[in-house]
Amino acid sequence: MEKVERPSKGWSGCQTNCSRSDRREISALREQLLSSEATVRSLKAAVDQKDQVIQQLQPRADLLQDIARRRPPLAALLAALEEAEGLGPLPAIDRGQLLPDGPGPPLGNSTGEEEGQDDLQPAVFGTTV
């Protein structure tokens, strides 16, 4: 905020040529100026305080925006899990003959070392929602 150059209190630009009403008007204008400057300081303090609150809330706002962006894919994933849960568990069958033609190729994440492990549990889908 720019400082307003004010004449010293003893100064009067119209010491001899001003009427009493002119001096009253000048005095009233000085009071208005002081009041306006106090209002400006008060408003500036309020703006600074609100800026601090905004800075404190910004990380939460960023997180909520991130959640909102991820909501559609998450909703689709939950719907797929709910559908899978509705299918129920696999029927109990001989593990050696999962397919009519015999065991299939190893799974993509299989290392091949799991062969001979008959204690595998069937996959069960579930959600916590």
Protein backbone atom coordinates (compact mmCIF):
# COMPACT_ATOMS: atom_id res chain seq x y z
CA MET A 1 0.00 0.00 0.00
CA GLU A 2 1.40 3.39 -0.91
CA LYS A 3 2.02 5.87 1.81
CA VAL A 4 0.11 9.08 1.40
CA GLU A 5 2.23 12.14 1.99
CA ARG A 6 0.45 14.21 4.58
CA PRO A 7 1.45 17.64 5.66
CA SER A 8 2.39 18.01 9.29
CA LYS A 9 -0.41 18.75 11.74
CA GLY A 10 0.56 22.38 12.09
CA TRP A 11 0.36 22.95 8.34
CA SER A 12 -2.60 24.64 6.86
CA GLY A 13 -2.57 25.37 3.17
CA CYS A 14 -5.03 28.11 3.64
CA GLN A 15 -4.08 29.60 6.96
CA THR A 16 -5.19 33.07 6.06
CA ASN A 17 -7.28 32.61 2.94
CA CYS A 18 -9.56 29.77 4.09
CA SER A 19 -12.89 30.18 5.64
CA ARG A 20 -14.01 28.32 8.70
CA SER A 21 -16.14 25.96 6.53
CA ASP A 22 -13.07 25.14 4.37
CA ARG A 23 -11.07 24.22 7.49
CA ARG A 24 -13.95 22.04 8.73
CA GLU A 25 -14.13 20.31 5.35
CA ILE A 26 -10.38 19.66 5.38
CA SER A 27 -10.62 18.26 8.90
CA ALA A 28 -13.52 16.01 7.91
CA LEU A 29 -11.60 14.78 4.85
CA ARG A 30 -8.56 13.97 7.04
CA GLU A 31 -10.79 11.95 9.38
CA GLN A 32 -12.28 10.11 6.40
CA LEU A 33 -8.77 9.36 5.13
CA LEU A 34 -7.69 7.93 8.50
CA SER A 35 -10.86 5.86 8.70
CA SER A 36 -10.36 4.57 5.14
CA GLU A 37 -6.75 3.62 5.88
CA ALA A 38 -7.87 1.68 8.97
CA THR A 39 -10.49 -0.11 6.88
CA VAL A 40 -7.86 -0.99 4.26
CA ARG A 41 -5.55 -2.43 6.96
CA SER A 42 -8.42 -4.46 8.40
CA LEU A 43 -9.43 -5.82 4.99
CA LYS A 44 -5.82 -6.66 4.14
CA ALA A 45 -5.50 -8.63 7.41
CA ALA A 46 -8.72 -10.52 6.59
CA VAL A 47 -7.43 -11.36 3.09
CA ASP A 48 -4.12 -12.59 4.54
CA GLN A 49 -5.97 -14.79 7.03
CA LYS A 50 -8.17 -16.28 4.31
CA ASP A 51 -5.09 -16.92 2.15
CA GLN A 52 -3.58 -18.92 5.03
CA VAL A 53 -6.77 -21.00 5.33
CA ILE A 54 -6.71 -21.64 1.58
CA GLN A 55 -3.09 -22.82 1.80
CA GLN A 56 -4.04 -25.19 4.63
CA LEU A 57 -7.00 -26.60 2.69
CA GLN A 58 -5.23 -26.95 -0.68
CA PRO A 59 -3.77 -30.44 -0.04
CA ARG A 60 -7.24 -31.72 0.88
CA ALA A 61 -8.74 -30.15 -2.22
CA ASP A 62 -6.04 -31.79 -4.37
CA LEU A 63 -6.77 -35.17 -2.76
CA LEU A 64 -10.52 -34.82 -3.35
CA GLN A 65 -9.92 -33.93 -7.01
CA ASP A 66 -7.72 -37.01 -7.35
CA ILE A 67 -10.43 -39.17 -5.78
CA ALA A 68 -13.05 -37.70 -8.12
CA ARG A 69 -10.85 -38.51 -11.15
CA ARG A 70 -10.41 -42.12 -9.99
CA ARG A 71 -14.03 -42.73 -9.08
CA PRO A 72 -15.34 -44.07 -12.45
CA PRO A 73 -12.64 -46.76 -12.85
CA LEU A 74 -13.01 -47.73 -9.20
CA ALA A 75 -16.80 -48.00 -9.57
CA ALA A 76 -16.32 -50.23 -12.62
CA LEU A 77 -13.87 -52.44 -10.71
CA LEU A 78 -16.26 -52.77 -7.78
CA ALA A 79 -19.11 -53.65 -10.14
CA ALA A 80 -16.96 -56.37 -11.75
CA LEU A 81 -16.02 -57.75 -8.34
CA GLU A 82 -19.67 -57.78 -7.30
CA GLU A 83 -20.55 -59.67 -10.49
CA ALA A 84 -17.73 -62.16 -9.86
CA GLU A 85 -18.93 -62.65 -6.30
CA GLY A 86 -22.40 -63.44 -7.63
CA LEU A 87 -20.96 -66.32 -9.69
CA GLY A 88 -20.16 -68.23 -6.50
CA PRO A 89 -17.34 -70.70 -5.92
CA LEU A 90 -16.17 -73.20 -8.51
CA PRO A 91 -17.78 -76.62 -8.29
CA ALA A 92 -15.70 -79.33 -6.61
CA ILE A 93 -14.07 -81.36 -9.38
CA ASP A 94 -10.96 -83.47 -9.80
CA ARG A 95 -8.07 -81.01 -9.93
CA GLY A 96 -6.21 -83.17 -12.43
CA GLN A 97 -9.00 -82.79 -14.98
CA LEU A 98 -10.08 -79.15 -14.84
CA LEU A 99 -10.66 -79.20 -18.58
CA PRO A 100 -12.09 -82.10 -20.61
CA ASP A 101 -8.83 -82.40 -22.56
CA GLY A 102 -6.62 -82.46 -19.49
CA PRO A 103 -4.68 -79.85 -17.62
CA GLY A 104 -4.17 -76.59 -19.49
CA PRO A 105 -0.99 -74.65 -19.94
CA PRO A 106 0.54 -73.02 -16.88
CA LEU A 107 -0.92 -69.69 -15.87
CA GLY A 108 0.88 -66.52 -16.97
CA ASN A 109 2.17 -65.86 -13.47
CA SER A 110 3.15 -69.49 -12.86
CA THR A 111 6.85 -70.36 -12.50
CA GLY A 112 6.35 -74.01 -13.32
CA GLU A 113 7.61 -75.01 -9.88
CA GLU A 114 4.08 -75.29 -8.54
CA GLU A 115 3.41 -78.57 -10.35
CA GLY A 116 2.59 -81.33 -7.95
CA GLN A 117 1.12 -78.96 -5.39
CA ASP A 118 -2.37 -80.29 -4.88
CA ASP A 119 -3.12 -78.12 -1.85
CA LEU A 120 -4.08 -75.02 -3.83
CA GLN A 121 -7.27 -73.32 -2.71
CA PRO A 122 -9.88 -72.36 -5.29
CA ALA A 123 -10.14 -68.65 -6.03
CA VAL A 124 -12.94 -66.87 -4.20
CA PHE A 125 -13.91 -63.29 -4.96
CA GLY A 126 -15.10 -60.94 -2.28
CA THR A 127 -15.56 -57.29 -1.60
CA THR A 128 -15.60 -55.27 1.56
CA VAL A 129 -18.07 -52.72 0.24
